[in-house]
Every structure is written in C-alpha cells, then in structure tokens.
Amino acid sequence: QYKFRDLTIEELKNVSKTYPNFTFSMNTYTFKDGSQKDLLNFSGTVPVNYGNSYNIPIRLWILDSHPFAPPICFLKPTANMGISVGKHVDARGRIYLPYLQNWSHPKSTLIGLIKEMIAKFEEELPLYSLSSSDAARQSELLSYIAKITEGETDMKSRSKIGGKNEGCFNKITVVGSGDLGIACVLAVAAKDVADKVVLLDLSEGAAKGGSMDLEIFAVPNVEISKDFSASADSKVVVLTVNSLGNAQTYLDVIQSNVDLFRGIIPAVSHYSQNAVLLVASHPVEIMTFVSWKLSSFPKSRVIGVGANLDSERFQYILTNLLKAEVLAKDAWVIGEQGEDKVPSWTSCNVAVNQAEAMAARNSREKVANEAMEVLKGKGQRSWSVGLSVADLADSILKDKRKVHSVSTLAKGCCNINSEVFLSLPCVLGTSGVIEMVRLEEDPLVQEKLQSSAGSIHDLQQQLRL
C-alpha cells in the first residue's frame, strides 16, 4: 500500500533506534469525510522538561504517501490527564506544528518532527493532571478522542442532501487563510458556486484574523481546518499561499514559495486525486508549473488564474467604455501576468481587400491600446482576484465550456518548445482545460509570448524542485 515503502521503513527504523519505547502497529484510520484507510502508526512517550520532567504520550499516523506528506499527530492522554488547548493542540488532542505545515522531503523527517514537538511542548505543556472528579467527567470525551485516534469512525453516517452522498458534492478547498484565501472563500460562497467550501488555514497557531472571523460569523457551508484530510474529494483545490520568508532576491522569493508548495501539493493531491488545481499564488506562471510537477496531474487539471481577470476587464472596457462590443467578444489578454501581458484576438472579420484589412487592423489596435491604458489603472486586489477565482471555479464545476484566459501549458503553441505556463484562451469544464482556442496569427504577439516563455523557463531552470 505504501508508495515509498523503503523510505518509510528506513524512517521508522530511525525512530525506533532513537525512541525505543515506541510501539508500531497497522490500524484503520478514519478521516473527517468518513473515508478509511489502513495506516502504519506508532505511539509512545516523549521526554519534556517543563520545570519538572514529564513523559508526554503521543501517537503518529503515517500516510501512504510518506515521506512526501506529513504524518497525522495526536496526543494520547491517559484517563487522569487533561488536554491544554493551545496554539499547537486542539480539544481533540490533534497536534499542529510549523514543522508539519512546512513538511518537505527530504528536509523533513520523523525524528526532526518529534524534536520540534518536544521543543514546542517545553514552551507550552499540552497536558495537565486531573483531579479524580475531573477525570470522571472527562472519561466520555477521552473515549471519543480514543475512537478517532484508534481509527474508528467519527461520522456514524454520511450526511445526504438531495439523495447524494457528501463525497459527490461540488466541494472546493481553498489553501491559505491570508487576504486572498478569505476573498476566494467569500466570493465562492457569495456566487453559490459549491455545496461546500473548506478553508485550509496553514498559519501557525489557532485560527486568527479573517479565518477566525469566518468561524465567528458562521458563513454557511464553509469549514475551516488545519487538517489536509478535510480537503478530501474536492473537485477544485485553489492555491493562494505565498511564503513570507526573508528572501533577498526575486529568485529566493520564488524558491521560498516552491519549498512551501513541496509540503502542500503532494498532500492535497493525495486527498483529492481527481481535482482540478487552480493556482492563484505568485508568480502564477511558475507556481502553476511547480504544482503540475509536484502533483503529477495531467496538464489539463493544473490551471493558473493567469489573465482571466484582465481579460474580463478588457472585454468590459471595450464594450462599455469604448463601445466596441463587436471587438470585445473576440478580445483576450494573454501571456505573462503583469506588465508583459498582451492583447490578442481569436478571430477577425474578413475584409474585402488588403486596404480594408489594414484599416480594420489599425482601428482594432488603436482601440486595444486605449483599453490597455485604462486597464493599467486597475489594480488586482484580493477581492477582485477572489471574484475571478469564483468565476473560474463556476465554469469548472458546472461544466460550462466557457472560454477563459488562464495559465496553461504553452509548449507547442506559438513555436514555444519549453515547458512553461502562459495565459491563453481555453475552454474550461469539469476536467479542467478541454481545449485551447486558436489565436489569430500575429507575429508581434507571438514574439512577446516567446520572450515571456524564455524568461520564465530561465527562472524555472534555477529552481530546486
């Protein structure tokens, strides 16, 4: 069952050598969505100094994609122990650590995880002694916790709506609880795109800021979790996270994001193997490429938000401000997100003669330049990108077969021979990109696309995947 059996066994041997009190077994683990899987796990105590010396009981479940996905960690309190809920432990005894959130093989190891666990527990002890009366009152809670950590189901029956199992619903997971992540959740909820939205809050500690507010005000059909298993069976996974490290150069910034994605993409891909990955993290072209490589998904199911927002604005400006509605329906912003994006067209009217064709092209170019100037004054704020993400998710989940300008693998288009992602007009449906819409041949546009592809490819070559 384990995809990387030798690597997993080697790690468990190291754990056994360092912590000989741990016992190993194979048991059934039940995830939040009710699905079950037989997983390796080990339990024992770790030594913690907090004034006095304590032995803290823990249990770790090893996923079958280990070591590319982090383990699931729990405290395993005895009947006379109470759980101290804090920034690293929830009421069920589930353990959350920066080490888990930033998990990245081969840098991350089980030994390293346990060492950080000990260090964090020495800052904030996760358990306390109960009086006999408290112990009696907590016995029922401990029984429930034991059922979860022993692998018994925490869902007696899967809820049904409209006669369908929950797993069949249109479920979206948004990864990242920053401003963009929150904006995506609110936009998806407002447009009623999905039956359920999961916000994966990967920030250290308890829910805070926007994610806490979502929890306080109980937005319908929105679940907030720090647990990758909560994303299981999502049809669309939206990536909004960006590293906030102390990188000095642009390449360092991108590498920091790549390192972050190495701990995220394998996990979400494991839980939602048929999902469409929708990347909104920056720089979107490179992070979409990274997501494609790390997930091993087909290129059709890894999409960047790209120039969708710019294209929608471009078409709106042409129609409503410049009164060029005929041109707007075939107008797109394509290429690289940012200043190097270019306007393009998917068709042109056939002129009677060359003079008319030249006049039509000049007229169209003039209008396009005016529209692009207006577009320059429009920033891409979190809420506007969130609306764009909801628009894309709607087309995917509802199989609308609508054309969007999104980041897709551009190899083979416009004489581009490298594996780079650029925004191009694509038909979207439940399987992601169904087909790429043919662009009008324009040497200047092709030259700009090739230039963008070259610079992106050069950056990609310098990254450590």
Protein backbone atom coordinates (compact mmCIF):
# COMPACT_ATOMS: atom_id res chain seq x y z
CA GLN A 1 0.00 0.00 0.00
CA TYR A 2 2.87 2.40 0.77
CA LYS A 3 4.15 4.06 -2.39
CA PHE A 4 7.62 4.71 -0.95
CA ARG A 5 7.95 1.64 1.25
CA ASP A 6 11.75 1.60 1.61
CA LEU A 7 11.95 5.27 2.58
CA THR A 8 9.16 4.80 5.12
CA ILE A 9 10.76 1.72 6.70
CA GLU A 10 14.11 3.50 6.96
CA GLU A 11 12.48 6.40 8.80
CA LEU A 12 10.63 4.11 11.21
CA LYS A 13 13.90 2.28 11.98
CA ASN A 14 15.48 5.62 12.92
CA VAL A 15 12.54 6.43 15.19
CA SER A 16 12.78 3.03 16.88
CA LYS A 17 16.51 3.47 17.42
CA THR A 18 16.12 6.95 18.97
CA TYR A 19 12.90 6.28 20.92
CA PRO A 20 12.92 2.55 21.84
CA ASN A 21 9.74 2.91 23.94
CA PHE A 22 7.59 3.46 20.81
CA THR A 23 5.39 0.59 19.63
CA PHE A 24 4.37 0.17 15.99
CA SER A 25 1.15 -1.22 14.51
CA MET A 26 -1.15 -1.16 11.48
CA ASN A 27 -4.69 0.11 12.19
CA THR A 28 -7.63 1.65 10.38
CA TYR A 29 -7.70 5.44 10.40
CA THR A 30 -10.92 7.32 9.66
CA PHE A 31 -10.65 10.73 8.02
CA LYS A 32 -13.03 13.62 8.57
CA ASP A 33 -15.03 12.77 5.45
CA GLY A 34 -15.68 9.24 6.75
CA SER A 35 -13.26 7.50 4.39
CA GLN A 36 -11.00 4.88 5.97
CA LYS A 37 -7.53 3.57 5.30
CA ASP A 38 -5.19 1.08 6.96
CA LEU A 39 -2.16 3.07 8.09
CA LEU A 40 1.07 2.45 9.92
CA ASN A 41 1.21 4.23 13.26
CA PHE A 42 3.37 4.38 16.32
CA SER A 43 2.79 5.50 19.89
CA GLY A 44 4.88 6.12 22.98
CA THR A 45 6.09 8.96 25.16
CA VAL A 46 8.49 11.83 24.53
CA PRO A 47 10.50 13.44 27.33
CA VAL A 48 9.63 17.06 28.06
CA ASN A 49 11.26 19.38 30.62
CA TYR A 50 8.82 21.96 31.96
CA GLY A 51 10.17 22.77 35.40
CA ASN A 52 9.96 19.06 36.09
CA SER A 53 10.48 16.14 33.70
CA TYR A 54 7.33 14.76 32.00
CA ASN A 55 6.67 11.93 29.59
CA ILE A 56 4.08 13.12 27.06
CA PRO A 57 2.17 10.31 25.31
CA ILE A 58 1.73 10.75 21.55
CA ARG A 59 0.55 8.80 18.54
CA LEU A 60 1.59 9.42 14.93
CA TRP A 61 -0.19 8.05 11.84
CA ILE A 62 1.95 7.62 8.73
CA LEU A 63 0.15 8.34 5.45
CA ASP A 64 0.71 6.01 2.49
CA SER A 65 2.35 8.88 0.59
CA HIS A 66 5.01 9.29 3.28
CA PRO A 67 7.61 10.84 3.27
CA PHE A 68 6.09 13.33 0.81
CA ALA A 69 3.12 14.04 3.08
CA PRO A 70 3.38 14.77 6.82
CA PRO A 71 2.05 12.35 9.45
CA ILE A 72 -1.15 12.95 11.41
CA CYS A 73 -0.25 13.59 15.04
CA PHE A 74 -2.25 13.23 18.26
CA LEU A 75 -1.68 13.39 21.97
CA LYS A 76 -2.71 10.14 23.64
CA PRO A 77 -3.71 11.22 27.17
CA THR A 78 -4.45 8.74 29.92
CA ALA A 79 -7.65 8.93 31.99
CA ASN A 80 -6.04 11.22 34.60
CA MET A 81 -4.69 13.71 32.03
CA GLY A 82 -6.45 16.77 30.65
CA ILE A 83 -5.63 18.44 27.31
CA SER A 84 -4.38 22.04 27.47
CA VAL A 85 -5.81 23.55 24.29
CA GLY A 86 -3.27 25.96 22.82
CA LYS A 87 -1.71 27.15 19.62
CA HIS A 88 -0.25 23.69 18.94
CA VAL A 89 -3.01 21.41 20.27
CA ASP A 90 -6.79 21.38 19.77
CA ALA A 91 -9.51 19.99 22.05
CA ARG A 92 -9.31 16.53 20.43
CA GLY A 93 -5.58 16.32 21.07
CA ARG A 94 -4.68 16.87 17.42
CA ILE A 95 -1.16 18.35 17.21
CA TYR A 96 -0.37 21.24 14.85
CA LEU A 97 3.21 22.40 14.31
CA PRO A 98 5.07 24.64 11.84
CA TYR A 99 7.18 21.59 11.02
CA LEU A 100 4.06 19.77 9.77
CA GLN A 101 2.82 22.76 7.78
CA ASN A 102 6.20 23.21 6.10
CA TRP A 103 6.82 19.48 5.59
CA SER A 104 9.13 18.88 2.64
CA HIS A 105 11.02 15.67 1.84
CA PRO A 106 13.95 15.05 2.29
CA LYS A 107 14.49 18.01 4.61
CA SER A 108 11.65 16.95 6.93
CA THR A 109 11.94 13.72 8.92
CA LEU A 110 10.02 11.98 11.71
CA ILE A 111 12.96 12.48 14.08
CA GLY A 112 13.03 16.19 13.25
CA LEU A 113 9.26 16.38 13.80
CA ILE A 114 9.48 14.74 17.23
CA LYS A 115 12.32 17.09 18.23
CA GLU A 116 10.22 20.14 17.31
CA MET A 117 7.26 18.60 19.14
CA ILE A 118 9.36 18.32 22.30
CA ALA A 119 10.62 21.90 21.90
CA LYS A 120 7.10 23.31 21.47
CA PHE A 121 5.76 21.24 24.40
CA GLU A 122 8.56 22.64 26.57
CA GLU A 123 7.24 26.13 25.76
CA GLU A 124 3.62 25.20 26.46
CA LEU A 125 2.87 21.92 28.22
CA PRO A 126 0.00 20.20 26.32
CA LEU A 127 -1.35 18.09 29.22
CA TYR A 128 -2.17 18.56 32.90
CA SER A 129 -3.18 16.30 35.79
CA LEU A 130 -6.89 15.94 36.53
CA SER A 131 -8.48 15.53 39.91
CA SER A 132 -10.47 12.30 40.34
CA SER A 133 -13.78 14.13 39.76
CA ASP A 134 -12.45 15.89 36.67
CA ALA A 135 -11.13 12.59 35.37
CA ALA A 136 -14.57 11.04 35.70
CA ARG A 137 -16.21 13.93 33.83
CA GLN A 138 -13.64 13.71 31.06
CA SER A 139 -13.91 9.97 30.52
CA GLU A 140 -16.60 10.37 27.86
CA LEU A 141 -14.51 12.95 25.98
CA LEU A 142 -11.45 10.74 26.15
CA SER A 143 -13.48 7.84 24.83
CA TYR A 144 -14.44 9.95 21.80
CA ILE A 145 -10.84 11.06 21.25
CA ALA A 146 -9.69 7.46 21.51
CA LYS A 147 -12.18 6.41 18.83
CA ILE A 148 -10.78 8.97 16.43
CA THR A 149 -7.12 8.24 17.15
CA GLU A 150 -7.71 4.50 17.16
CA GLY A 151 -9.28 4.80 13.74
CA GLU A 152 -12.97 4.33 14.49
CA THR A 153 -15.34 6.50 12.52
CA ASP A 154 -16.16 9.98 13.74
CA MET A 155 -19.14 10.07 11.39
CA LYS A 156 -21.83 7.50 12.10
CA SER A 157 -23.45 8.24 8.78
CA ARG A 158 -22.50 10.45 5.92
CA SER A 159 -24.97 13.26 5.54
CA LYS A 160 -27.14 13.24 2.45
CA ILE A 161 -28.59 16.16 0.58
CA GLY A 162 -30.69 15.68 -2.50
CA GLY A 163 -30.08 11.93 -2.31
CA LYS A 164 -26.33 12.22 -2.91
CA ASN A 165 -23.50 11.30 -0.58
CA GLU A 166 -21.41 14.20 0.67
CA GLY A 167 -18.47 12.88 -1.31
CA CYS A 168 -20.42 13.50 -4.54
CA PHE A 169 -20.98 17.20 -3.79
CA ASN A 170 -19.29 20.09 -5.53
CA LYS A 171 -16.61 20.73 -2.95
CA ILE A 172 -13.89 23.36 -3.19
CA THR A 173 -10.85 23.64 -0.95
CA VAL A 174 -9.03 26.97 -0.65
CA VAL A 175 -5.47 26.57 0.67
CA GLY A 176 -4.27 29.62 2.61
CA SER A 177 -6.07 31.93 5.05
CA GLY A 178 -4.50 35.23 4.00
CA ASP A 179 -6.49 38.05 2.43
CA LEU A 180 -6.64 36.29 -0.94
CA GLY A 181 -7.74 32.98 0.57
CA ILE A 182 -10.52 34.68 2.54
CA ALA A 183 -11.57 36.65 -0.55
CA CYS A 184 -11.81 33.41 -2.56
CA VAL A 185 -13.94 31.73 0.11
CA LEU A 186 -16.32 34.69 0.34
CA ALA A 187 -16.59 35.05 -3.45
CA VAL A 188 -17.27 31.33 -3.94
CA ALA A 189 -19.88 31.44 -1.14
CA ALA A 190 -21.49 34.61 -2.50
CA LYS A 191 -21.81 33.18 -6.01
CA ASP A 192 -23.10 29.86 -4.64
CA VAL A 193 -20.54 28.01 -6.73
CA ALA A 194 -20.06 24.98 -4.46
CA ASP A 195 -22.05 22.90 -1.97
CA LYS A 196 -19.15 23.07 0.48
CA VAL A 197 -16.02 25.18 0.83
CA VAL A 198 -13.08 24.13 3.01
CA LEU A 199 -10.55 26.76 4.03
CA LEU A 200 -7.21 25.17 4.92
CA ASP A 201 -5.66 27.55 7.42
CA LEU A 202 -1.93 26.76 7.39
CA SER A 203 -0.93 29.67 9.62
CA GLU A 204 0.85 28.80 12.83
CA GLY A 205 -1.28 28.58 15.96
CA ALA A 206 -5.01 28.92 16.43
CA ALA A 207 -7.35 30.47 13.87
CA LYS A 208 -6.83 34.21 13.66
CA GLY A 209 -7.72 37.20 11.57
CA GLY A 210 -10.06 36.50 8.66
CA SER A 211 -10.33 32.77 9.27
CA MET A 212 -11.36 33.42 12.86
CA ASP A 213 -14.00 35.90 11.66
CA LEU A 214 -15.36 33.33 9.20
CA GLU A 215 -15.71 30.94 12.12
CA ILE A 216 -17.28 33.54 14.42
CA PHE A 217 -19.91 34.63 11.91
CA ALA A 218 -20.54 31.12 10.59
CA VAL A 219 -20.59 31.58 6.82
CA PRO A 220 -22.91 28.82 5.50
CA ASN A 221 -21.27 25.68 4.07
CA VAL A 222 -17.76 26.87 4.97
CA GLU A 223 -15.45 24.69 7.07
CA ILE A 224 -12.16 25.92 8.48
CA SER A 225 -9.48 23.34 9.16
CA LYS A 226 -5.75 22.87 9.62
CA ASP A 227 -6.05 19.25 8.55
CA PHE A 228 -5.25 18.32 4.94
CA SER A 229 -7.69 15.40 5.20
CA ALA A 230 -10.54 17.96 5.39
CA SER A 231 -9.87 18.66 1.70
CA ALA A 232 -10.63 15.06 0.69
CA ASP A 233 -12.67 14.60 -2.52
CA SER A 234 -12.53 18.25 -3.52
CA LYS A 235 -13.32 18.86 -7.16
CA VAL A 236 -11.33 22.10 -7.22
CA VAL A 237 -8.38 23.00 -4.98
CA VAL A 238 -7.43 26.69 -5.02
CA LEU A 239 -3.85 27.57 -4.04
CA THR A 240 -3.48 31.08 -2.57
CA VAL A 241 -0.47 30.70 -0.24
CA ASN A 242 2.70 32.72 -0.61
CA SER A 243 5.81 32.45 1.53
CA LEU A 244 6.51 35.37 3.82
CA GLY A 245 10.17 34.47 4.31
CA ASN A 246 13.13 36.86 4.44
CA ALA A 247 14.24 36.21 0.88
CA GLN A 248 16.72 38.73 -0.55
CA THR A 249 16.31 38.23 -4.31
CA TYR A 250 13.39 37.52 -6.62
CA LEU A 251 14.75 34.02 -7.20
CA ASP A 252 14.90 33.48 -3.42
CA VAL A 253 11.27 34.56 -3.13
CA ILE A 254 10.20 32.06 -5.78
CA GLN A 255 12.32 29.29 -4.24
CA SER A 256 10.71 30.01 -0.87
CA ASN A 257 7.30 29.55 -2.48
CA VAL A 258 8.45 26.34 -4.15
CA ASP A 259 9.61 24.98 -0.78
CA LEU A 260 6.21 25.87 0.68
CA PHE A 261 4.39 24.09 -2.17
CA ARG A 262 6.51 20.96 -1.68
CA GLY A 263 4.73 20.44 1.62
CA ILE A 264 1.27 21.23 0.25
CA ILE A 265 0.80 19.88 -3.28
CA PRO A 266 1.54 16.19 -2.53
CA ALA A 267 -0.88 16.30 0.41
CA VAL A 268 -3.83 17.91 -1.40
CA SER A 269 -3.18 15.73 -4.46
CA HIS A 270 -3.26 12.65 -2.23
CA TYR A 271 -6.66 13.54 -0.75
CA SER A 272 -8.26 14.81 -3.98
CA GLN A 273 -6.74 12.74 -6.77
CA ASN A 274 -9.29 13.83 -9.38
CA ALA A 275 -9.34 17.53 -8.52
CA VAL A 276 -8.52 20.47 -10.74
CA LEU A 277 -5.72 22.53 -9.16
CA LEU A 278 -6.37 26.25 -9.58
CA VAL A 279 -3.27 28.29 -8.73
CA ALA A 280 -3.53 31.91 -7.60
CA SER A 281 -0.16 32.14 -5.82
CA HIS A 282 2.60 34.33 -7.23
CA PRO A 283 4.27 34.27 -9.67
CA VAL A 284 1.32 32.40 -11.10
CA GLU A 285 3.01 31.00 -14.21
CA ILE A 286 5.89 29.45 -12.28
CA MET A 287 3.78 28.26 -9.34
CA THR A 288 1.37 26.58 -11.77
CA PHE A 289 4.33 24.79 -13.36
CA VAL A 290 5.55 23.76 -9.88
CA SER A 291 2.07 22.49 -8.96
CA TRP A 292 1.94 20.44 -12.16
CA LYS A 293 5.33 18.87 -11.48
CA LEU A 294 4.69 18.14 -7.79
CA SER A 295 1.18 16.75 -8.30
CA SER A 296 1.91 14.58 -11.37
CA PHE A 297 -1.59 15.55 -12.53
CA PRO A 298 -2.30 15.78 -16.26
CA LYS A 299 -1.66 19.26 -17.65
CA SER A 300 -5.40 19.78 -18.24
CA ARG A 301 -6.08 19.65 -14.49
CA VAL A 302 -3.47 22.20 -13.37
CA ILE A 303 -4.50 25.76 -14.20
CA GLY A 304 -3.31 29.20 -13.14
CA VAL A 305 -5.71 32.12 -12.72
CA GLY A 306 -3.46 33.92 -15.18
CA ALA A 307 -5.07 36.76 -17.12
CA ASN A 308 -8.70 35.79 -16.52
CA LEU A 309 -9.37 38.97 -14.51
CA ASP A 310 -7.54 41.17 -17.02
CA SER A 311 -9.42 39.59 -19.94
CA GLU A 312 -12.82 40.10 -18.29
CA ARG A 313 -11.92 43.73 -17.55
CA PHE A 314 -10.53 44.20 -21.07
CA GLN A 315 -13.75 42.95 -22.64
CA TYR A 316 -15.83 45.10 -20.26
CA ILE A 317 -13.82 48.24 -21.12
CA LEU A 318 -14.16 47.58 -24.86
CA THR A 319 -17.92 47.08 -24.57
CA ASN A 320 -18.95 49.68 -22.00
CA LEU A 321 -16.37 52.45 -22.19
CA LEU A 322 -15.18 52.32 -25.79
CA LYS A 323 -18.43 50.99 -27.29
CA ALA A 324 -16.57 48.34 -29.28
CA GLU A 325 -18.83 45.44 -28.43
CA VAL A 326 -18.19 43.62 -31.70
CA LEU A 327 -14.47 43.53 -30.97
CA ALA A 328 -14.89 42.64 -27.29
CA LYS A 329 -16.27 39.15 -27.83
CA ASP A 330 -13.04 38.03 -29.53
CA ALA A 331 -10.62 40.06 -27.37
CA TRP A 332 -8.27 38.49 -24.81
CA VAL A 333 -5.37 39.41 -22.60
CA ILE A 334 -2.78 36.65 -22.81
CA GLY A 335 0.80 35.78 -21.91
CA GLU A 336 2.54 36.56 -18.64
CA GLN A 337 0.68 38.15 -15.74
CA GLY A 338 1.94 41.66 -15.09
CA GLU A 339 3.35 44.31 -17.42
CA ASP A 340 4.30 41.79 -20.13
CA LYS A 341 0.71 40.73 -20.82
CA VAL A 342 -0.54 41.44 -24.34
CA PRO A 343 -3.93 41.87 -26.04
CA SER A 344 -4.88 39.35 -28.69
CA TRP A 345 -7.82 38.12 -30.75
CA THR A 346 -9.32 34.75 -31.51
CA SER A 347 -10.77 35.81 -34.87
CA CYS A 348 -11.00 38.75 -37.24
CA ASN A 349 -13.52 39.94 -39.73
CA VAL A 350 -12.67 39.09 -43.33
CA ALA A 351 -12.16 42.28 -45.29
CA VAL A 352 -12.93 42.67 -48.99
CA ASN A 353 -9.41 43.81 -49.87
CA GLN A 354 -5.98 44.40 -48.32
CA ALA A 355 -6.61 48.11 -47.69
CA GLU A 356 -9.77 47.36 -45.71
CA ALA A 357 -7.97 44.62 -43.77
CA MET A 358 -5.16 47.06 -42.86
CA ALA A 359 -7.69 49.75 -41.82
CA ALA A 360 -9.59 47.24 -39.67
CA ARG A 361 -6.37 46.06 -38.02
CA ASN A 362 -5.23 49.65 -37.29
CA SER A 363 -8.64 50.54 -35.86
CA ARG A 364 -8.65 47.46 -33.65
CA GLU A 365 -5.10 48.13 -32.48
CA LYS A 366 -5.98 51.70 -31.54
CA VAL A 367 -8.99 50.59 -29.51
CA ALA A 368 -6.97 47.82 -27.85
CA ASN A 369 -4.25 50.30 -26.83
CA GLU A 370 -6.86 52.60 -25.31
CA ALA A 371 -8.39 49.70 -23.39
CA MET A 372 -4.99 48.53 -22.13
CA GLU A 373 -4.22 52.04 -20.87
CA VAL A 374 -7.46 52.03 -18.87
CA LEU A 375 -6.58 48.54 -17.65
CA LYS A 376 -3.23 49.74 -16.27
CA GLY A 377 -5.04 51.81 -13.66
CA LYS A 378 -6.88 48.78 -12.29
CA GLY A 379 -5.01 47.00 -9.53
CA GLN A 380 -5.57 43.35 -8.69
CA ARG A 381 -6.85 43.49 -5.14
CA SER A 382 -7.60 40.34 -3.17
CA TRP A 383 -11.37 40.66 -3.54
CA SER A 384 -11.16 41.16 -7.32
CA VAL A 385 -8.91 38.10 -7.73
CA GLY A 386 -11.30 36.21 -5.44
CA LEU A 387 -14.18 37.01 -7.79
CA SER A 388 -12.09 35.84 -10.73
CA VAL A 389 -11.32 32.56 -8.92
CA ALA A 390 -15.03 32.05 -8.23
CA ASP A 391 -15.76 32.69 -11.91
CA LEU A 392 -13.25 30.01 -12.97
CA ALA A 393 -14.45 27.52 -10.35
CA ASP A 394 -18.03 28.05 -11.53
CA SER A 395 -17.09 27.19 -15.13
CA ILE A 396 -15.22 24.08 -13.99
CA LEU A 397 -17.74 22.69 -11.51
CA LYS A 398 -20.77 23.37 -13.71
CA ASP A 399 -19.03 22.18 -16.89
CA LYS A 400 -19.96 25.44 -18.62
CA ARG A 401 -17.47 25.01 -21.50
CA LYS A 402 -16.82 28.75 -21.24
CA VAL A 403 -13.64 30.33 -22.65
CA HIS A 404 -11.23 31.92 -20.14
CA SER A 405 -7.70 33.24 -20.44
CA VAL A 406 -5.87 31.02 -17.93
CA SER A 407 -2.32 29.84 -17.36
CA THR A 408 -1.91 26.54 -19.17
CA LEU A 409 1.00 24.54 -20.56
CA ALA A 410 2.03 26.57 -23.62
CA LYS A 411 4.50 24.10 -25.12
CA GLY A 412 3.67 23.63 -28.81
CA CYS A 413 1.83 26.94 -29.08
CA CYS A 414 3.37 29.91 -30.91
CA ASN A 415 6.60 27.93 -31.52
CA ILE A 416 7.24 27.62 -27.76
CA ASN A 417 9.28 24.47 -27.11
CA SER A 418 9.81 24.67 -23.35
CA GLU A 419 7.52 23.50 -20.52
CA VAL A 420 6.15 26.85 -19.37
CA PHE A 421 2.69 28.03 -18.41
CA LEU A 422 1.23 31.14 -20.04
CA SER A 423 -2.26 32.61 -20.20
CA LEU A 424 -4.11 31.52 -23.32
CA PRO A 425 -7.82 31.32 -24.16
CA CYS A 426 -9.05 27.88 -23.04
CA VAL A 427 -12.41 26.13 -22.82
CA LEU A 428 -12.97 25.02 -19.21
CA GLY A 429 -15.11 22.16 -17.91
CA THR A 430 -15.16 19.55 -15.15
CA SER A 431 -11.89 18.01 -16.36
CA GLY A 432 -10.14 21.39 -16.45
CA VAL A 433 -8.84 22.61 -19.80
CA ILE A 434 -10.88 20.88 -22.52
CA GLU A 435 -9.26 22.63 -25.45
CA MET A 436 -7.18 25.66 -26.30
CA VAL A 437 -8.84 28.26 -28.53
CA ARG A 438 -6.86 29.15 -31.62
CA LEU A 439 -5.49 32.69 -31.66
CA GLU A 440 -5.24 34.91 -34.70
CA GLU A 441 -1.68 34.76 -36.03
CA ASP A 442 0.16 37.96 -35.14
CA PRO A 443 3.99 37.99 -35.35
CA LEU A 444 4.29 40.69 -32.64
CA VAL A 445 2.11 38.76 -30.21
CA GLN A 446 3.99 35.54 -30.89
CA GLU A 447 7.31 37.31 -30.33
CA LYS A 448 6.14 38.63 -26.94
CA LEU A 449 4.86 35.21 -25.88
CA GLN A 450 8.16 33.59 -26.87
CA SER A 451 10.06 36.25 -24.91
CA SER A 452 7.95 35.61 -21.81
CA ALA A 453 8.37 31.86 -22.23
CA GLY A 454 12.16 32.27 -22.43
CA SER A 455 12.47 34.36 -19.26
CA ILE A 456 10.11 32.08 -17.30
CA HIS A 457 11.96 28.97 -18.45
CA ASP A 458 15.31 30.51 -17.39
CA LEU A 459 13.93 31.11 -13.88
CA GLN A 460 12.48 27.62 -13.67
CA GLN A 461 15.84 26.10 -14.54
CA GLN A 462 17.36 27.75 -11.44
CA LEU A 463 14.75 26.36 -9.01
CA ARG A 464 15.21 23.32 -6.78
CA LEU A 465 12.12 21.14 -7.16
